Amino acid sequence: MSLRVTQSMMSNQLLRNVSNNLGRMNNLQNQLSTGKQINAPSDDPVGLTFAMRYRSEISANDQYIRNVDSAKSSLDYTDMVLSQVGDVLHRVRELMVKGADGTVPQTGYDAIKLEIDELFNQLVEIGNSKFNGKYVFNGEMTETAPYPTTTINNANPDAPKVYQVATDDKQIRYELAPGMVLGVNITGNDLFGMPVDETNGPVEESDNMFYVLKQVSEALGAGDNQKVSSLLGNIDSRINILLEQRAEIGARSNRVSLVEGRLEDISVNLMTIKSKTEDADLAMVITNLKMEENVYQASLSAGAKIIKPSLIDFLR
């Protein structure tokens, strides 16, 4: 049995086709305006799943890059401070060599002692260095100054002695990659020497920087050049340890730089994959949009000829 095609059926079919054309044009226009081929979950459910996964990985990688920047800044600052400590120790050694000379008069010893005392205060100031508002050499206790700001000749028995301080030994760690954590700090005791216990009298073998300078100052005040000479080995020991620490900081900085380059490569790779998944090919979108516009115009033109506005048009 043949199907009778009515005017109403033709009109409805035309409207459906025109509506479909408009829908495709609207989708292409959205892609053109946003630059994305996935603007709603219904556009590509599978592609959207991958795109969300890539976005999550990019976000995590960006956080690792920020951690690398923070770690690098901390290491650079620590290296700068170690350089300042090295300058002070080398000057201390020069003065000790002069103070070990038995031909220097007491006035000369007193002049050397004055500079040693100032260098002691300089070391205390360096020990209380702050970076981004946090103390560098007190482990995880970054809100507490590691060293009391006392003078080298403070005779008050109740006053804290800077060479008796035990700083916090915890590491400030940054996660720079999945499963990779790196410490970026040096504790005060590692840098300046372990605390000295004078319960049983002076500790001659200690290479604590503050304690050595205190002994040197006392020896110069007493004109004891032999004592100054015997302490040269202690300061040399601390200088050697300082050089090892600078080498360690340099090695950590090099590793952080390698990690930074790797993270940047990963970021570029993830961005490329994400772009391929969700970004629109603008050349193709524009071409398809023009084609759909032509189809839309053709459908309107054909519809105008098929659907007559009145009965008179059919009777012509």
Protein backbone atom coordinates (compact mmCIF):
# COMPACT_ATOMS: atom_id res chain seq x y z
CA MET A 1 0.00 0.00 0.00
CA SER A 2 1.46 3.32 -1.03
CA LEU A 3 2.07 6.02 1.56
CA ARG A 4 0.25 9.26 0.99
CA VAL A 5 2.57 12.24 1.46
CA THR A 6 0.73 15.24 2.79
CA GLN A 7 1.67 18.89 2.92
CA SER A 8 1.94 18.64 6.70
CA MET A 9 4.45 15.80 6.47
CA MET A 10 6.58 17.80 4.03
CA SER A 11 6.48 20.83 6.30
CA ASN A 12 7.47 18.82 9.38
CA GLN A 13 10.29 17.09 7.53
CA LEU A 14 11.59 20.42 6.29
CA LEU A 15 11.53 21.86 9.79
CA ARG A 16 13.42 18.86 11.16
CA ASN A 17 16.08 19.14 8.48
CA VAL A 18 16.45 22.90 8.96
CA SER A 19 16.63 22.38 12.75
CA ASN A 20 19.33 19.73 12.32
CA ASN A 21 21.28 22.08 10.08
CA LEU A 22 21.02 24.84 12.66
CA GLY A 23 22.16 22.43 15.41
CA ARG A 24 25.26 21.45 13.47
CA MET A 25 26.01 25.11 12.74
CA ASN A 26 25.59 25.98 16.42
CA ASN A 27 28.00 23.19 17.45
CA LEU A 28 30.60 24.38 14.93
CA GLN A 29 30.19 27.99 16.01
CA ASN A 30 30.74 26.95 19.64
CA GLN A 31 33.93 25.12 18.63
CA LEU A 32 35.08 28.17 16.68
CA SER A 33 34.43 30.61 19.54
CA THR A 34 35.93 28.42 22.31
CA GLY A 35 38.68 26.75 20.29
CA LYS A 36 37.62 23.43 21.85
CA GLN A 37 36.05 20.47 20.14
CA ILE A 38 34.70 19.21 23.49
CA ASN A 39 32.39 21.80 25.06
CA ALA A 40 29.97 19.40 26.73
CA PRO A 41 30.22 15.77 27.94
CA SER A 42 27.90 14.70 25.14
CA ASP A 43 30.35 15.97 22.51
CA ASP A 44 32.85 13.18 23.23
CA PRO A 45 32.45 11.25 26.53
CA VAL A 46 35.61 9.19 26.02
CA GLY A 47 37.67 12.19 24.93
CA LEU A 48 36.40 14.17 27.94
CA THR A 49 37.59 11.40 30.28
CA PHE A 50 41.09 11.56 28.84
CA ALA A 51 41.08 15.38 28.85
CA MET A 52 40.16 15.47 32.56
CA ARG A 53 42.93 13.00 33.32
CA TYR A 54 45.45 15.14 31.42
CA ARG A 55 44.28 18.26 33.24
CA SER A 56 44.80 16.52 36.60
CA GLU A 57 48.32 15.43 35.61
CA ILE A 58 49.15 18.94 34.35
CA SER A 59 47.93 20.46 37.63
CA ALA A 60 50.07 18.05 39.67
CA ASN A 61 53.08 18.70 37.43
CA ASP A 62 52.62 22.47 37.84
CA GLN A 63 52.71 22.00 41.62
CA TYR A 64 55.94 20.03 41.33
CA ILE A 65 57.40 22.88 39.24
CA ARG A 66 56.44 25.36 41.98
CA ASN A 67 58.08 23.09 44.56
CA VAL A 68 61.22 22.99 42.42
CA ASP A 69 61.27 26.80 42.28
CA SER A 70 60.97 27.00 46.07
CA ALA A 71 63.67 24.36 46.60
CA LYS A 72 65.99 26.08 44.15
CA SER A 73 65.52 29.44 45.86
CA SER A 74 66.25 27.91 49.28
CA LEU A 75 69.37 26.16 48.02
CA ASP A 76 70.65 29.31 46.31
CA TYR A 77 70.12 31.32 49.48
CA THR A 78 71.83 28.66 51.61
CA ASP A 79 74.80 28.62 49.24
CA MET A 80 75.06 32.42 49.51
CA VAL A 81 75.05 32.22 53.32
CA LEU A 82 77.69 29.48 53.30
CA SER A 83 79.82 31.73 51.12
CA GLN A 84 79.51 34.49 53.73
CA VAL A 85 80.50 32.06 56.49
CA GLY A 86 83.50 31.03 54.41
CA ASP A 87 84.58 34.65 54.05
CA VAL A 88 84.37 35.14 57.83
CA LEU A 89 86.33 31.96 58.59
CA HIS A 90 89.09 32.81 56.15
CA ARG A 91 89.42 36.25 57.75
CA VAL A 92 89.44 34.60 61.19
CA ARG A 93 92.25 32.31 60.10
CA GLU A 94 94.29 35.23 58.77
CA LEU A 95 93.92 36.99 62.12
CA MET A 96 94.80 33.82 64.01
CA VAL A 97 98.00 33.45 61.98
CA LYS A 98 98.91 36.99 62.99
CA GLY A 99 97.91 36.30 66.59
CA ALA A 100 100.09 33.18 66.67
CA ASP A 101 103.18 35.33 66.09
CA GLY A 102 105.04 35.68 69.38
CA THR A 103 106.68 38.96 68.34
CA VAL A 104 103.39 40.93 68.32
CA PRO A 105 103.01 43.30 71.30
CA GLN A 106 99.95 43.07 73.53
CA THR A 107 98.42 46.12 71.87
CA GLY A 108 98.53 44.20 68.59
CA TYR A 109 96.85 41.20 70.22
CA ASP A 110 94.17 43.50 71.60
CA ALA A 111 93.50 44.94 68.14
CA ILE A 112 93.22 41.45 66.67
CA LYS A 113 90.92 40.46 69.54
CA LEU A 114 88.55 43.33 68.75
CA GLU A 115 88.14 42.14 65.17
CA ILE A 116 87.73 38.51 66.28
CA ASP A 117 84.92 39.62 68.60
CA GLU A 118 83.18 41.43 65.73
CA LEU A 119 83.54 38.39 63.49
CA PHE A 120 81.98 36.29 66.27
CA ASN A 121 78.98 38.62 66.28
CA GLN A 122 78.83 38.41 62.49
CA LEU A 123 78.66 34.61 62.67
CA VAL A 124 75.82 34.80 65.18
CA GLU A 125 73.96 37.15 62.84
CA ILE A 126 74.52 34.75 59.92
CA GLY A 127 73.33 31.86 62.07
CA ASN A 128 70.05 33.69 62.58
CA SER A 129 69.56 34.32 58.85
CA LYS A 130 65.97 34.36 57.59
CA PHE A 131 64.63 33.52 54.15
CA ASN A 132 61.03 34.37 53.30
CA GLY A 133 60.48 35.25 56.95
CA LYS A 134 61.73 31.88 58.24
CA TYR A 135 64.95 31.02 60.05
CA VAL A 136 67.21 28.94 57.83
CA PHE A 137 69.38 27.02 60.29
CA ASN A 138 66.89 25.75 62.88
CA GLY A 139 65.48 22.75 61.01
CA GLU A 140 61.68 22.64 61.08
CA MET A 141 61.51 25.23 63.88
CA THR A 142 61.55 28.03 61.34
CA GLU A 143 59.73 30.52 63.60
CA THR A 144 62.38 30.37 66.35
CA ALA A 145 65.81 32.00 66.18
CA PRO A 146 68.41 29.23 66.63
CA TYR A 147 71.08 31.33 68.36
CA PRO A 148 70.82 33.79 71.26
CA THR A 149 72.21 37.19 70.37
CA THR A 150 74.77 37.36 73.17
CA THR A 151 78.23 38.89 73.01
CA ILE A 152 81.37 36.78 73.00
CA ASN A 153 82.45 38.01 76.43
CA ASN A 154 79.07 37.82 78.17
CA ALA A 155 80.02 36.99 81.75
CA ASN A 156 76.45 36.41 82.95
CA PRO A 157 76.35 32.72 83.98
CA ASP A 158 72.60 32.55 83.38
CA ALA A 159 72.84 33.95 79.85
CA PRO A 160 72.58 31.32 77.10
CA LYS A 161 75.86 30.53 75.40
CA VAL A 162 75.70 30.44 71.65
CA TYR A 163 78.18 27.57 71.42
CA GLN A 164 75.99 25.42 73.70
CA VAL A 165 72.91 25.62 71.45
CA ALA A 166 71.49 22.39 69.97
CA THR A 167 69.51 23.41 66.91
CA ASP A 168 66.62 21.38 65.50
CA ASP A 169 68.00 18.60 63.29
CA LYS A 170 64.93 18.06 61.06
CA GLN A 171 65.13 18.50 57.30
CA ILE A 172 62.96 20.85 55.26
CA ARG A 173 61.84 18.58 52.44
CA TYR A 174 60.16 19.26 49.13
CA GLU A 175 58.40 16.69 46.97
CA LEU A 176 59.80 17.39 43.51
CA ALA A 177 58.32 14.40 41.67
CA PRO A 178 56.18 11.37 42.50
CA GLY A 179 58.11 9.48 45.17
CA MET A 180 61.06 11.91 45.12
CA VAL A 181 61.63 14.06 48.22
CA LEU A 182 64.71 16.28 48.64
CA GLY A 183 65.96 18.10 51.74
CA VAL A 184 67.08 21.67 51.07
CA ASN A 185 68.44 22.90 54.41
CA ILE A 186 71.52 22.56 56.59
CA THR A 187 71.07 22.64 60.35
CA GLY A 188 72.95 25.10 62.50
CA ASN A 189 74.91 22.39 64.31
CA ASP A 190 75.97 20.89 60.97
CA LEU A 191 77.24 24.27 59.83
CA PHE A 192 78.69 25.83 62.97
CA GLY A 193 79.55 22.70 64.93
CA MET A 194 77.97 20.53 67.60
CA PRO A 195 77.16 22.12 71.00
CA VAL A 196 79.92 22.20 73.59
CA ASP A 197 79.49 20.91 77.15
CA GLU A 198 81.92 22.66 79.48
CA THR A 199 80.80 20.76 82.58
CA ASN A 200 84.22 19.13 82.93
CA GLY A 201 86.18 22.13 81.75
CA PRO A 202 87.25 23.51 78.34
CA VAL A 203 86.88 21.23 75.34
CA GLU A 204 90.09 21.70 73.43
CA GLU A 205 89.23 19.45 70.48
CA SER A 206 85.89 21.12 69.66
CA ASP A 207 85.65 22.77 66.23
CA ASN A 208 82.43 24.63 67.05
CA MET A 209 82.97 27.97 65.30
CA PHE A 210 81.63 30.05 68.15
CA TYR A 211 83.62 28.12 70.76
CA VAL A 212 86.84 28.36 68.77
CA LEU A 213 86.44 32.13 68.37
CA LYS A 214 85.70 32.47 72.09
CA GLN A 215 88.91 30.58 72.93
CA VAL A 216 90.90 32.64 70.42
CA SER A 217 89.53 35.87 71.91
CA GLU A 218 90.44 34.79 75.43
CA ALA A 219 93.92 33.69 74.33
CA LEU A 220 94.57 37.01 72.56
CA GLY A 221 93.38 38.92 75.62
CA ALA A 222 95.91 36.97 77.70
CA GLY A 223 98.66 37.32 75.09
CA ASP A 224 98.86 33.53 74.72
CA ASN A 225 100.03 33.15 71.14
CA GLN A 226 100.74 29.44 71.63
CA LYS A 227 97.08 28.79 72.40
CA VAL A 228 96.07 30.72 69.28
CA SER A 229 98.46 28.63 67.22
CA SER A 230 97.06 25.36 68.65
CA LEU A 231 93.53 26.41 67.63
CA LEU A 232 94.43 26.79 63.96
CA GLY A 233 93.75 23.10 63.39
CA ASN A 234 90.24 23.48 64.84
CA ILE A 235 89.35 26.31 62.47
CA ASP A 236 90.89 24.43 59.54
CA SER A 237 88.68 21.45 60.36
CA ARG A 238 85.58 23.64 60.28
CA ILE A 239 86.66 25.26 57.00
CA ASN A 240 87.02 21.81 55.42
CA ILE A 241 83.57 20.80 56.65
CA LEU A 242 82.16 24.03 55.23
CA LEU A 243 83.65 23.24 51.83
CA GLU A 244 82.06 19.77 51.94
CA GLN A 245 78.71 21.33 52.78
CA ARG A 246 78.97 23.78 49.90
CA ALA A 247 79.75 20.88 47.60
CA GLU A 248 76.68 19.05 48.89
CA ILE A 249 74.48 22.11 48.33
CA GLY A 250 75.89 22.41 44.83
CA ALA A 251 75.09 18.75 44.12
CA ARG A 252 71.53 19.23 45.34
CA SER A 253 71.16 22.34 43.18
CA ASN A 254 72.34 20.43 40.13
CA ARG A 255 69.85 17.67 40.81
CA VAL A 256 67.04 20.19 41.23
CA SER A 257 68.00 21.73 37.88
CA LEU A 258 67.80 18.30 36.23
CA VAL A 259 64.40 17.68 37.83
CA GLU A 260 63.24 21.11 36.66
CA GLY A 261 64.19 20.31 33.05
CA ARG A 262 62.42 16.95 33.24
CA LEU A 263 59.24 18.51 34.66
CA GLU A 264 59.22 21.15 31.92
CA ASP A 265 59.50 18.43 29.27
CA ILE A 266 56.64 16.51 30.91
CA SER A 267 54.54 19.68 31.00
CA VAL A 268 55.08 20.30 27.28
CA ASN A 269 54.22 16.68 26.47
CA LEU A 270 51.03 16.71 28.56
CA MET A 271 49.91 20.01 27.07
CA THR A 272 50.46 18.63 23.57
CA ILE A 273 48.45 15.48 24.27
CA LYS A 274 45.68 17.48 25.96
CA SER A 275 45.53 19.85 23.00
CA LYS A 276 45.18 16.97 20.56
CA THR A 277 42.36 15.55 22.66
CA GLU A 278 40.17 18.59 23.25
CA ASP A 279 41.33 21.48 21.05
CA ALA A 280 39.50 22.09 17.78
CA ASP A 281 41.16 22.12 14.35
CA LEU A 282 40.13 25.66 13.44
CA ALA A 283 40.79 25.23 9.72
CA MET A 284 38.53 22.20 9.60
CA VAL A 285 35.91 23.87 11.79
CA ILE A 286 35.75 26.94 9.54
CA THR A 287 35.52 24.78 6.43
CA ASN A 288 32.72 22.65 7.91
CA LEU A 289 30.90 25.75 9.15
CA LYS A 290 30.88 27.31 5.69
CA MET A 291 29.64 24.01 4.22
CA GLU A 292 26.82 23.83 6.79
CA GLU A 293 25.88 27.44 6.03
CA ASN A 294 25.60 26.55 2.36
CA VAL A 295 23.48 23.50 3.19
CA TYR A 296 21.27 25.64 5.43
CA GLN A 297 20.77 28.26 2.74
CA ALA A 298 20.04 25.54 0.17
CA SER A 299 17.47 23.90 2.45
CA LEU A 300 15.71 27.21 2.99
CA SER A 301 15.65 27.88 -0.74
CA ALA A 302 14.32 24.41 -1.53
CA GLY A 303 11.73 24.66 1.20
CA ALA A 304 10.47 27.96 -0.12
CA LYS A 305 9.74 26.29 -3.45
CA ILE A 306 8.17 23.12 -2.01
CA ILE A 307 5.90 24.72 0.56
CA LYS A 308 3.58 27.21 -1.13
CA PRO A 309 2.13 29.97 1.00
CA SER A 310 -1.46 29.57 -0.29
CA LEU A 311 -3.92 27.45 -2.38
CA ILE A 312 -3.71 29.99 -5.21
CA ASP A 313 -0.02 29.07 -5.75
CA PHE A 314 -0.99 25.42 -6.42
CA LEU A 315 -3.63 26.48 -8.97
CA ARG A 316 -1.24 28.50 -11.14
